[in-house]
Amino acid sequence: MSESGEARVIPGNNESVHKKEKSKIGKSSELPKLRLSTLFAMTFGFFGVNMAFSLQSSQLGRIFQTIGADPNKLGFFFILPPLAGMIIQPIIGKYSDRTWNRFGRRMPYLLLGAPAAAIVLVLLPNAGSFGFGYASFAALCFGAIATLFMDLTSNVCMQPFRMIIGDMVNENQKDLAWSWQQSFSNLGGVLATMIPFVLTVLGISNTAPKGEVPLTVKIAFYVAAVVLLASSALTILKVREYDPETYAKYHNIDLASQQKKAPSLVQLLKNAPSTFWETSIVQFFSWFAILYLWTYSTGAISLNVWHTSDPSSAGYQAAGNWYGVLTCIMSVAAVLWGILVQARTKPNTRKFWYSLGLSTGAIGYFMIYFIHNKWVMIIPFCLIGIAYLAINTQPFSLLTEALNGQHEGSYLGLFNCSICLPQICASVASFWIFPLVGHSMPAMFLVGGISLLLAAISVKFVHSKFKK
């Protein structure tokens, strides 16, 4: 801790610094104000993690349609990633709450997850390149399994970054930390989604033999694997988490009770604060809509702008690249909104900005259905970017303010089910909704817009201890 009482992120073992930390903790049991450099070290790793998730969200529908998946069955492939998240994140949260070793509390899981995620990133875009055949069961199964493992490993990487904010950041800096983390996340998404477009401009072929993914997309996944490893390594080397005694004092936790046998996840759910359930309802409607953005964007843009639904056509692949550009623009809009607006908000205004962001996104969804010009399509994606930032920041601020520092990793892991379950429900519901709207991918955005409006209304019923 510095002379001002500020905690530092310390690389390596430094016993003298930690003794100094412990000697000063007795003066205050509240989490200290962190330096901006400390917040940077804690949040930058999301840059690499979200390259993986951005490629998954922006290119997964394109990959599966390219290797021969039926558009009416795309929802099946989008069930696997959230299912993986529902399983792995609560487990990571529960066990990392009690993992204290020389590498830290949360970081050991990142140390294992990052290399595994990089391997899967290399395998996934090659689902159609192993001679399985176009639309073959083997090719689709390989792609589905690779997708499942990609989400498993990416979730193992993601969860430690979220948990250390709850562990180490005080309430006055929490909105800033979440905004920074999401801003780095969006910048990683910018890089990931722009790569196929830029490579095409540079002359690399954006088409491939039937059933194979274009080289531009493969290279994007390879670059993401390298960046994920590098950014995760930076965080692992620079972040030193609090030891059990320091953590307990900062969070006003009795150390003896912390060392007792941890309650089961079911017991934790029974004792969860009301904010956990109230925010989960908002999350359900939010992520129900986001799943349709990921699933149907390329097809909707291809049909509305390029007037084709043939995955092997140049127009469809051009739409896939343009969706990457729009995702980039969406990320930039989110970064700017986070820096200029949300990072400056106070705890007692979280609900207002949360609801406003969701309503803005709903307008963007409705606009996509009516737009047939690729340049005008930029406007709704900017609006969706604002919503995406709110969805990925405000729920965590509202939840962690309601927790007392105990079992925080477990609750954040369980809370991830409020992200994953609505995606599974949306995927299953798409088998009924998609035919109901005339097999129209643009019409699925009307469904998503309605869902975001319901999410915005639900924010009103979330309890916050910071009342305006």
Protein backbone atom coordinates (compact mmCIF):
# COMPACT_ATOMS: atom_id res chain seq x y z
CA MET A 1 0.00 0.00 0.00
CA SER A 2 1.28 3.46 -0.80
CA GLU A 3 1.67 6.26 1.74
CA SER A 4 -1.74 7.58 0.70
CA GLY A 5 -3.32 4.27 1.73
CA GLU A 6 -3.67 3.14 -1.89
CA ALA A 7 -3.30 -0.52 -2.78
CA ARG A 8 -0.87 -1.36 -5.52
CA VAL A 9 -0.73 -4.18 -8.03
CA ILE A 10 2.60 -5.82 -7.36
CA PRO A 11 4.42 -8.20 -9.69
CA GLY A 12 6.17 -11.13 -8.12
CA ASN A 13 6.74 -11.87 -4.45
CA ASN A 14 7.44 -8.85 -2.28
CA GLU A 15 7.10 -9.68 1.42
CA SER A 16 8.17 -6.24 2.68
CA VAL A 17 5.43 -4.51 0.70
CA HIS A 18 2.79 -6.91 1.97
CA LYS A 19 3.93 -6.44 5.57
CA LYS A 20 3.56 -2.71 5.02
CA GLU A 21 0.07 -3.29 3.60
CA LYS A 22 -1.00 -5.31 6.62
CA SER A 23 0.33 -2.74 9.10
CA LYS A 24 -1.85 -0.02 7.57
CA ILE A 25 -5.03 -1.97 7.05
CA GLY A 26 -5.91 -1.55 10.69
CA LYS A 27 -6.49 2.17 10.09
CA SER A 28 -9.41 1.48 7.75
CA SER A 29 -11.43 -1.61 6.90
CA GLU A 30 -12.74 -0.08 3.67
CA LEU A 31 -11.31 -0.91 0.29
CA PRO A 32 -8.74 1.73 -0.66
CA LYS A 33 -8.83 4.02 -3.65
CA LEU A 34 -6.77 2.46 -6.42
CA ARG A 35 -4.45 4.19 -8.82
CA LEU A 36 -5.49 4.38 -12.45
CA SER A 37 -2.49 2.23 -13.35
CA THR A 38 -3.80 -0.40 -10.97
CA LEU A 39 -7.24 -0.34 -12.57
CA PHE A 40 -5.59 -0.63 -15.98
CA ALA A 41 -3.67 -3.74 -14.95
CA MET A 42 -6.82 -5.31 -13.54
CA THR A 43 -9.05 -4.62 -16.55
CA PHE A 44 -6.85 -4.73 -19.65
CA GLY A 45 -6.92 -8.52 -19.90
CA PHE A 46 -10.50 -8.32 -21.15
CA PHE A 47 -9.08 -7.00 -24.44
CA GLY A 48 -7.86 -10.46 -25.40
CA VAL A 49 -10.76 -12.36 -23.84
CA ASN A 50 -13.32 -10.43 -25.84
CA MET A 51 -11.47 -10.99 -29.10
CA ALA A 52 -12.49 -14.62 -28.66
CA PHE A 53 -16.08 -13.81 -27.72
CA SER A 54 -16.42 -11.19 -30.47
CA LEU A 55 -15.29 -13.61 -33.15
CA GLN A 56 -17.66 -16.18 -31.74
CA SER A 57 -20.60 -13.77 -31.79
CA SER A 58 -19.83 -12.13 -35.14
CA GLN A 59 -18.59 -15.14 -37.11
CA LEU A 60 -20.23 -18.22 -35.62
CA GLY A 61 -23.44 -17.93 -37.66
CA ARG A 62 -21.33 -17.28 -40.76
CA ILE A 63 -19.10 -20.30 -40.09
CA PHE A 64 -21.96 -22.73 -39.56
CA GLN A 65 -23.92 -21.54 -42.57
CA THR A 66 -20.74 -21.73 -44.65
CA ILE A 67 -20.16 -25.37 -43.69
CA GLY A 68 -23.79 -26.20 -44.49
CA ALA A 69 -25.98 -25.63 -41.41
CA ASP A 70 -29.70 -25.08 -42.03
CA PRO A 71 -30.56 -21.42 -41.13
CA ASN A 72 -33.70 -22.66 -39.37
CA LYS A 73 -31.49 -24.74 -37.06
CA LEU A 74 -28.85 -22.13 -36.27
CA GLY A 75 -30.33 -21.76 -32.80
CA PHE A 76 -29.08 -25.26 -31.94
CA PHE A 77 -25.44 -24.23 -32.29
CA PHE A 78 -26.00 -21.17 -30.11
CA ILE A 79 -27.33 -23.31 -27.26
CA LEU A 80 -23.93 -24.87 -26.55
CA PRO A 81 -21.93 -21.72 -25.61
CA PRO A 82 -24.33 -20.44 -22.92
CA LEU A 83 -24.83 -23.97 -21.63
CA ALA A 84 -21.07 -24.15 -21.12
CA GLY A 85 -21.13 -20.81 -19.31
CA MET A 86 -23.89 -21.95 -16.96
CA ILE A 87 -21.81 -24.93 -15.93
CA ILE A 88 -18.27 -23.57 -15.77
CA GLN A 89 -18.65 -20.08 -14.27
CA PRO A 90 -20.42 -21.08 -11.02
CA ILE A 91 -17.79 -23.80 -10.55
CA ILE A 92 -14.93 -21.36 -11.15
CA GLY A 93 -16.56 -18.85 -8.81
CA LYS A 94 -17.13 -21.35 -6.01
CA TYR A 95 -13.66 -22.87 -6.03
CA SER A 96 -11.75 -19.65 -6.67
CA ASP A 97 -13.40 -18.16 -3.56
CA ARG A 98 -11.30 -20.65 -1.58
CA THR A 99 -8.21 -20.79 -3.79
CA TRP A 100 -5.33 -19.01 -2.09
CA ASN A 101 -1.83 -19.87 -3.33
CA ARG A 102 1.35 -18.23 -4.56
CA PHE A 103 -0.31 -17.29 -7.86
CA GLY A 104 -3.27 -15.59 -6.17
CA ARG A 105 -6.95 -16.36 -5.79
CA ARG A 106 -8.46 -15.86 -9.25
CA MET A 107 -5.34 -15.82 -11.44
CA PRO A 108 -4.58 -19.58 -11.33
CA TYR A 109 -7.73 -20.21 -13.36
CA LEU A 110 -6.69 -17.65 -15.95
CA LEU A 111 -3.27 -19.29 -16.10
CA LEU A 112 -4.93 -22.56 -17.16
CA GLY A 113 -7.76 -21.15 -19.26
CA ALA A 114 -5.85 -18.84 -21.60
CA PRO A 115 -3.66 -21.48 -23.34
CA ALA A 116 -6.63 -23.84 -23.70
CA ALA A 117 -8.77 -21.07 -25.23
CA ALA A 118 -6.00 -20.21 -27.70
CA ILE A 119 -5.87 -23.80 -28.96
CA VAL A 120 -9.62 -23.93 -29.55
CA LEU A 121 -9.51 -20.57 -31.36
CA VAL A 122 -7.16 -22.14 -33.88
CA LEU A 123 -9.36 -25.22 -34.37
CA LEU A 124 -12.85 -23.71 -34.71
CA PRO A 125 -12.54 -21.90 -38.09
CA ASN A 126 -11.11 -25.09 -39.59
CA ALA A 127 -14.34 -27.02 -39.02
CA GLY A 128 -14.83 -27.31 -42.79
CA SER A 129 -11.19 -27.94 -43.69
CA PHE A 130 -10.66 -31.49 -42.50
CA GLY A 131 -12.39 -33.22 -45.39
CA PHE A 132 -15.64 -34.00 -43.58
CA GLY A 133 -17.74 -32.74 -46.49
CA TYR A 134 -20.27 -29.93 -46.96
CA ALA A 135 -23.22 -30.09 -44.54
CA SER A 136 -21.95 -33.43 -43.26
CA PHE A 137 -22.80 -34.63 -39.79
CA ALA A 138 -19.09 -34.93 -38.95
CA ALA A 139 -18.30 -31.34 -39.97
CA LEU A 140 -21.24 -29.91 -38.01
CA CYS A 141 -20.41 -32.04 -34.97
CA PHE A 142 -16.78 -30.95 -35.05
CA GLY A 143 -17.87 -27.32 -35.26
CA ALA A 144 -20.36 -27.75 -32.42
CA ILE A 145 -17.82 -29.45 -30.14
CA ALA A 146 -15.16 -26.84 -30.94
CA THR A 147 -17.71 -24.12 -30.14
CA LEU A 148 -18.55 -25.78 -26.84
CA PHE A 149 -14.90 -25.96 -25.79
CA MET A 150 -14.24 -22.44 -27.02
CA ASP A 151 -16.92 -21.13 -24.71
CA LEU A 152 -15.79 -23.30 -21.82
CA THR A 153 -12.22 -22.03 -22.02
CA SER A 154 -13.23 -18.43 -22.73
CA ASN A 155 -15.45 -18.47 -19.64
CA VAL A 156 -12.57 -19.76 -17.54
CA CYS A 157 -10.58 -16.74 -18.77
CA MET A 158 -13.38 -14.21 -18.31
CA GLN A 159 -14.47 -14.96 -14.77
CA PRO A 160 -11.22 -14.03 -12.93
CA PHE A 161 -11.28 -10.53 -14.44
CA ARG A 162 -14.80 -9.89 -13.19
CA MET A 163 -14.08 -11.28 -9.75
CA ILE A 164 -11.02 -9.17 -8.98
CA ILE A 165 -13.06 -6.00 -9.47
CA GLY A 166 -15.47 -7.16 -6.78
CA ASP A 167 -12.51 -8.26 -4.63
CA MET A 168 -10.38 -5.11 -4.87
CA VAL A 169 -12.34 -2.06 -6.11
CA ASN A 170 -14.37 0.23 -3.83
CA GLU A 171 -17.86 1.49 -4.66
CA ASN A 172 -16.73 4.94 -5.80
CA GLN A 173 -14.42 3.44 -8.43
CA LYS A 174 -16.50 0.41 -9.36
CA ASP A 175 -18.44 2.05 -12.21
CA LEU A 176 -15.14 3.33 -13.61
CA ALA A 177 -13.57 -0.12 -13.36
CA TRP A 178 -16.50 -1.87 -15.05
CA SER A 179 -16.53 0.79 -17.77
CA TRP A 180 -12.80 0.39 -18.38
CA GLN A 181 -13.10 -3.36 -18.48
CA GLN A 182 -15.94 -3.18 -20.98
CA SER A 183 -14.09 -0.51 -22.99
CA PHE A 184 -11.05 -2.77 -23.32
CA SER A 185 -13.44 -5.58 -24.13
CA ASN A 186 -14.99 -3.51 -26.90
CA LEU A 187 -11.60 -2.49 -28.27
CA GLY A 188 -10.67 -6.17 -28.44
CA GLY A 189 -13.91 -6.69 -30.31
CA VAL A 190 -12.98 -3.87 -32.70
CA LEU A 191 -9.69 -5.54 -33.58
CA ALA A 192 -11.24 -9.00 -33.89
CA THR A 193 -14.17 -8.04 -36.09
CA MET A 194 -12.22 -5.70 -38.35
CA ILE A 195 -9.56 -8.21 -39.31
CA PRO A 196 -11.59 -10.05 -42.04
CA PHE A 197 -12.66 -6.74 -43.61
CA VAL A 198 -9.13 -5.28 -43.59
CA LEU A 199 -7.58 -8.48 -44.96
CA THR A 200 -10.12 -8.48 -47.79
CA VAL A 201 -9.17 -4.89 -48.64
CA LEU A 202 -5.51 -5.96 -48.67
CA GLY A 203 -6.32 -8.59 -51.30
CA ILE A 204 -6.65 -11.80 -49.30
CA SER A 205 -9.49 -13.94 -50.62
CA ASN A 206 -12.75 -13.62 -48.75
CA THR A 207 -14.25 -16.66 -50.46
CA ALA A 208 -13.34 -20.33 -50.23
CA PRO A 209 -14.36 -23.68 -51.71
CA LYS A 210 -17.86 -24.72 -50.78
CA GLY A 211 -18.00 -25.85 -47.18
CA GLU A 212 -14.80 -24.10 -46.10
CA VAL A 213 -14.37 -20.89 -44.14
CA PRO A 214 -12.52 -18.05 -45.94
CA LEU A 215 -8.87 -17.45 -45.09
CA THR A 216 -9.72 -13.94 -43.84
CA VAL A 217 -11.83 -15.44 -41.05
CA LYS A 218 -9.23 -18.08 -40.17
CA ILE A 219 -6.50 -15.47 -39.78
CA ALA A 220 -8.76 -13.43 -37.49
CA PHE A 221 -9.09 -16.41 -35.16
CA TYR A 222 -5.34 -17.04 -35.22
CA VAL A 223 -4.58 -13.43 -34.31
CA ALA A 224 -7.15 -13.59 -31.50
CA ALA A 225 -5.39 -16.65 -30.05
CA VAL A 226 -2.05 -14.79 -29.91
CA VAL A 227 -3.54 -11.61 -28.41
CA LEU A 228 -5.51 -13.59 -25.82
CA LEU A 229 -2.33 -15.25 -24.61
CA ALA A 230 -0.38 -11.97 -24.52
CA SER A 231 -3.00 -9.87 -22.73
CA SER A 232 -3.75 -12.60 -20.20
CA ALA A 233 -0.03 -13.02 -19.50
CA LEU A 234 0.26 -9.28 -18.82
CA THR A 235 -2.48 -9.41 -16.21
CA ILE A 236 -1.15 -12.60 -14.61
CA LEU A 237 2.33 -11.09 -14.26
CA LYS A 238 1.22 -7.68 -12.99
CA VAL A 239 -1.74 -8.37 -10.70
CA ARG A 240 -1.07 -9.55 -7.17
CA GLU A 241 -4.27 -10.24 -5.26
CA TYR A 242 -4.88 -9.70 -1.55
CA ASP A 243 -4.02 -12.53 0.80
CA PRO A 244 -6.85 -14.01 2.93
CA GLU A 245 -6.16 -11.80 5.97
CA THR A 246 -5.98 -8.58 3.95
CA TYR A 247 -9.11 -9.46 1.99
CA ALA A 248 -11.06 -10.30 5.16
CA LYS A 249 -10.14 -7.00 6.83
CA TYR A 250 -11.00 -4.90 3.79
CA HIS A 251 -14.39 -6.60 3.46
CA ASN A 252 -15.13 -6.72 7.21
CA ILE A 253 -15.24 -10.52 7.17
CA ASP A 254 -14.37 -12.70 10.13
CA LEU A 255 -11.38 -14.71 8.99
CA ALA A 256 -12.43 -17.75 11.02
CA SER A 257 -15.84 -17.86 9.34
CA GLN A 258 -14.20 -17.46 5.94
CA GLN A 259 -12.17 -20.62 6.56
CA LYS A 260 -15.24 -22.71 7.38
CA LYS A 261 -16.70 -25.12 4.89
CA ALA A 262 -18.24 -23.16 2.03
CA PRO A 263 -22.02 -23.45 1.57
CA SER A 264 -23.26 -25.22 -1.53
CA LEU A 265 -24.33 -23.29 -4.60
CA VAL A 266 -27.93 -24.25 -3.84
CA GLN A 267 -27.62 -22.79 -0.33
CA LEU A 268 -26.13 -19.61 -1.74
CA LEU A 269 -29.05 -19.28 -4.14
CA LYS A 270 -31.51 -19.65 -1.27
CA ASN A 271 -29.76 -16.84 0.61
CA ALA A 272 -29.11 -14.61 -2.41
CA PRO A 273 -30.00 -10.92 -1.97
CA SER A 274 -33.16 -9.74 -3.72
CA THR A 275 -31.04 -7.67 -6.10
CA PHE A 276 -29.61 -10.91 -7.49
CA TRP A 277 -33.04 -12.09 -8.64
CA GLU A 278 -34.37 -8.69 -9.71
CA THR A 279 -31.35 -7.98 -11.88
CA SER A 280 -31.53 -11.50 -13.29
CA ILE A 281 -34.98 -10.69 -14.70
CA VAL A 282 -33.53 -7.68 -16.51
CA GLN A 283 -30.70 -9.88 -17.73
CA PHE A 284 -33.13 -12.44 -19.12
CA PHE A 285 -34.81 -9.97 -21.47
CA SER A 286 -31.47 -8.31 -22.34
CA TRP A 287 -29.60 -11.44 -23.35
CA PHE A 288 -32.62 -12.94 -25.07
CA ALA A 289 -32.28 -10.01 -27.48
CA ILE A 290 -28.47 -10.16 -27.73
CA LEU A 291 -28.60 -13.80 -28.84
CA TYR A 292 -30.67 -12.82 -31.88
CA LEU A 293 -28.17 -10.07 -32.71
CA TRP A 294 -25.42 -12.67 -32.84
CA THR A 295 -27.46 -15.29 -34.68
CA TYR A 296 -29.24 -13.30 -37.37
CA SER A 297 -27.19 -10.15 -38.08
CA THR A 298 -25.20 -11.47 -41.03
CA GLY A 299 -28.29 -13.00 -42.63
CA ALA A 300 -30.42 -9.90 -42.01
CA ILE A 301 -27.80 -7.55 -43.44
CA SER A 302 -27.22 -9.84 -46.42
CA LEU A 303 -30.93 -9.97 -47.21
CA ASN A 304 -31.72 -6.29 -46.59
CA VAL A 305 -28.62 -4.78 -48.20
CA TRP A 306 -27.16 -7.37 -50.61
CA HIS A 307 -30.51 -9.07 -51.37
CA THR A 308 -29.18 -12.61 -51.04
CA SER A 309 -29.49 -15.43 -48.55
CA ASP A 310 -27.01 -17.79 -50.26
CA PRO A 311 -24.07 -18.39 -47.85
CA SER A 312 -21.73 -19.30 -50.71
CA SER A 313 -22.35 -16.04 -52.60
CA ALA A 314 -19.94 -13.12 -52.63
CA GLY A 315 -22.78 -10.89 -51.42
CA TYR A 316 -23.35 -12.99 -48.31
CA GLN A 317 -19.64 -13.05 -47.46
CA ALA A 318 -19.49 -9.28 -48.04
CA ALA A 319 -22.38 -8.94 -45.58
CA GLY A 320 -20.41 -11.02 -43.10
CA ASN A 321 -17.48 -8.63 -43.42
CA TRP A 322 -19.77 -5.60 -43.13
CA TYR A 323 -21.30 -7.04 -39.97
CA GLY A 324 -17.75 -7.19 -38.64
CA VAL A 325 -17.35 -3.48 -39.43
CA LEU A 326 -20.69 -2.71 -37.79
CA THR A 327 -19.67 -4.68 -34.73
CA CYS A 328 -16.50 -2.59 -34.66
CA ILE A 329 -18.56 0.61 -34.85
CA MET A 330 -20.85 -0.73 -32.13
CA SER A 331 -17.81 -1.32 -29.93
CA VAL A 332 -16.42 2.16 -30.56
CA ALA A 333 -19.79 3.70 -29.68
CA ALA A 334 -19.80 1.68 -26.46
CA VAL A 335 -16.26 2.80 -25.59
CA LEU A 336 -17.09 6.48 -26.17
CA TRP A 337 -20.32 6.21 -24.18
CA GLY A 338 -18.48 4.48 -21.36
CA ILE A 339 -15.68 7.07 -21.21
CA LEU A 340 -17.77 10.20 -21.72
CA VAL A 341 -20.92 9.26 -19.82
CA GLN A 342 -21.06 6.07 -17.80
CA ALA A 343 -17.62 6.30 -16.16
CA ARG A 344 -18.69 9.62 -14.67
CA THR A 345 -21.96 8.37 -13.20
CA LYS A 346 -22.60 8.04 -9.48
CA PRO A 347 -23.87 4.92 -7.67
CA ASN A 348 -27.31 6.49 -7.14
CA THR A 349 -27.83 6.96 -10.91
CA ARG A 350 -26.98 3.41 -12.01
CA LYS A 351 -30.60 2.39 -12.58
CA PHE A 352 -31.34 5.45 -14.72
CA TRP A 353 -28.42 4.87 -17.08
CA TYR A 354 -29.14 1.14 -17.17
CA SER A 355 -32.74 1.70 -18.30
CA LEU A 356 -31.76 4.42 -20.76
CA GLY A 357 -29.14 2.19 -22.37
CA LEU A 358 -31.59 -0.68 -22.83
CA SER A 359 -34.23 1.61 -24.34
CA THR A 360 -31.67 3.01 -26.77
CA GLY A 361 -30.76 -0.50 -27.86
CA ALA A 362 -34.41 -1.36 -28.47
CA ILE A 363 -34.68 1.56 -30.91
CA GLY A 364 -31.59 0.26 -32.72
CA TYR A 365 -33.09 -3.22 -33.07
CA PHE A 366 -36.32 -1.85 -34.55
CA MET A 367 -34.36 0.27 -37.05
CA ILE A 368 -32.45 -2.73 -38.46
CA TYR A 369 -35.68 -4.25 -39.78
CA PHE A 370 -36.41 -1.19 -41.93
CA ILE A 371 -32.93 -0.23 -43.19
CA HIS A 372 -31.67 -1.31 -46.63
CA ASN A 373 -28.57 0.86 -46.94
CA LYS A 374 -25.32 -0.40 -45.50
CA TRP A 375 -24.15 3.07 -44.42
CA VAL A 376 -27.40 3.96 -42.65
CA MET A 377 -27.06 0.62 -40.82
CA ILE A 378 -24.32 2.32 -38.78
CA ILE A 379 -26.90 4.31 -36.77
CA PRO A 380 -28.75 1.39 -35.14
CA PHE A 381 -25.48 -0.37 -34.33
CA CYS A 382 -24.26 2.73 -32.50
CA LEU A 383 -27.44 2.66 -30.44
CA ILE A 384 -27.00 -1.05 -29.76
CA GLY A 385 -23.42 -0.33 -28.65
CA ILE A 386 -24.75 1.91 -25.88
CA ALA A 387 -27.11 -0.85 -24.77
CA TYR A 388 -24.34 -3.46 -24.90
CA LEU A 389 -22.17 -1.37 -22.57
CA ALA A 390 -25.03 -1.00 -20.09
CA ILE A 391 -25.79 -4.73 -20.23
CA ASN A 392 -22.17 -5.64 -19.49
CA THR A 393 -21.53 -3.15 -16.68
CA GLN A 394 -24.54 -1.97 -14.70
CA PRO A 395 -25.87 -5.40 -13.61
CA PHE A 396 -22.51 -6.21 -12.02
CA SER A 397 -22.35 -2.88 -10.20
CA LEU A 398 -25.86 -3.39 -8.86
CA LEU A 399 -25.12 -6.96 -7.78
CA THR A 400 -21.72 -6.41 -6.14
CA GLU A 401 -23.04 -3.42 -4.18
CA ALA A 402 -25.55 -5.82 -2.59
CA LEU A 403 -22.87 -8.36 -1.59
CA ASN A 404 -20.68 -8.08 1.49
CA GLY A 405 -17.52 -9.57 0.03
CA GLN A 406 -18.32 -13.13 1.08
CA HIS A 407 -18.80 -15.76 -1.64
CA GLU A 408 -18.50 -13.00 -4.23
CA GLY A 409 -16.94 -15.27 -6.82
CA SER A 410 -19.65 -17.87 -6.31
CA TYR A 411 -22.40 -15.30 -6.72
CA LEU A 412 -20.81 -13.80 -9.83
CA GLY A 413 -20.52 -17.30 -11.26
CA LEU A 414 -24.15 -18.04 -10.47
CA PHE A 415 -25.13 -14.66 -11.86
CA ASN A 416 -23.63 -15.73 -15.16
CA CYS A 417 -26.61 -18.09 -15.44
CA SER A 418 -28.72 -14.95 -15.94
CA ILE A 419 -26.65 -14.38 -19.09
CA CYS A 420 -26.58 -17.98 -20.29
CA LEU A 421 -30.12 -19.18 -19.55
CA PRO A 422 -31.86 -16.50 -21.66
CA GLN A 423 -29.56 -17.36 -24.58
CA ILE A 424 -30.58 -21.00 -24.32
CA CYS A 425 -34.25 -19.99 -24.09
CA ALA A 426 -33.87 -17.66 -27.08
CA SER A 427 -32.18 -20.42 -29.09
CA VAL A 428 -34.93 -22.93 -28.31
CA ALA A 429 -37.66 -20.33 -28.87
CA SER A 430 -36.17 -19.48 -32.27
CA PHE A 431 -37.33 -22.86 -33.59
CA TRP A 432 -40.89 -21.58 -33.08
CA ILE A 433 -40.42 -17.81 -33.51
CA PHE A 434 -38.38 -17.95 -36.74
CA PRO A 435 -41.13 -19.76 -38.74
CA LEU A 436 -43.75 -17.57 -37.06
CA VAL A 437 -42.16 -14.41 -38.52
CA GLY A 438 -42.01 -15.95 -41.99
CA HIS A 439 -38.44 -17.29 -41.77
CA SER A 440 -37.31 -13.66 -41.91
CA MET A 441 -33.98 -12.90 -40.25
CA PRO A 442 -34.65 -9.11 -40.25
CA ALA A 443 -37.96 -9.74 -38.46
CA MET A 444 -36.10 -11.43 -35.59
CA PHE A 445 -34.80 -7.96 -34.70
CA LEU A 446 -38.36 -6.83 -34.01
CA VAL A 447 -38.58 -9.65 -31.48
CA GLY A 448 -35.28 -8.59 -29.96
CA GLY A 449 -36.38 -4.96 -29.74
CA ILE A 450 -39.50 -5.90 -27.80
CA SER A 451 -37.38 -7.95 -25.43
CA LEU A 452 -35.05 -4.99 -24.76
CA LEU A 453 -38.02 -2.76 -23.99
CA LEU A 454 -39.21 -5.29 -21.43
CA ALA A 455 -35.71 -5.28 -19.93
CA ALA A 456 -35.74 -1.48 -19.65
CA ILE A 457 -39.09 -1.59 -17.83
CA SER A 458 -37.81 -4.31 -15.47
CA VAL A 459 -34.95 -2.10 -14.23
CA LYS A 460 -37.52 -0.07 -12.27
CA PHE A 461 -38.10 -3.02 -9.93
CA VAL A 462 -34.41 -3.54 -9.04
CA HIS A 463 -33.54 -2.49 -5.49
CA SER A 464 -30.34 -0.52 -4.97
CA LYS A 465 -28.89 0.55 -1.64
CA PHE A 466 -27.87 3.83 -3.25
CA LYS A 467 -31.17 5.64 -3.60
CA LYS A 468 -31.36 8.89 -5.53
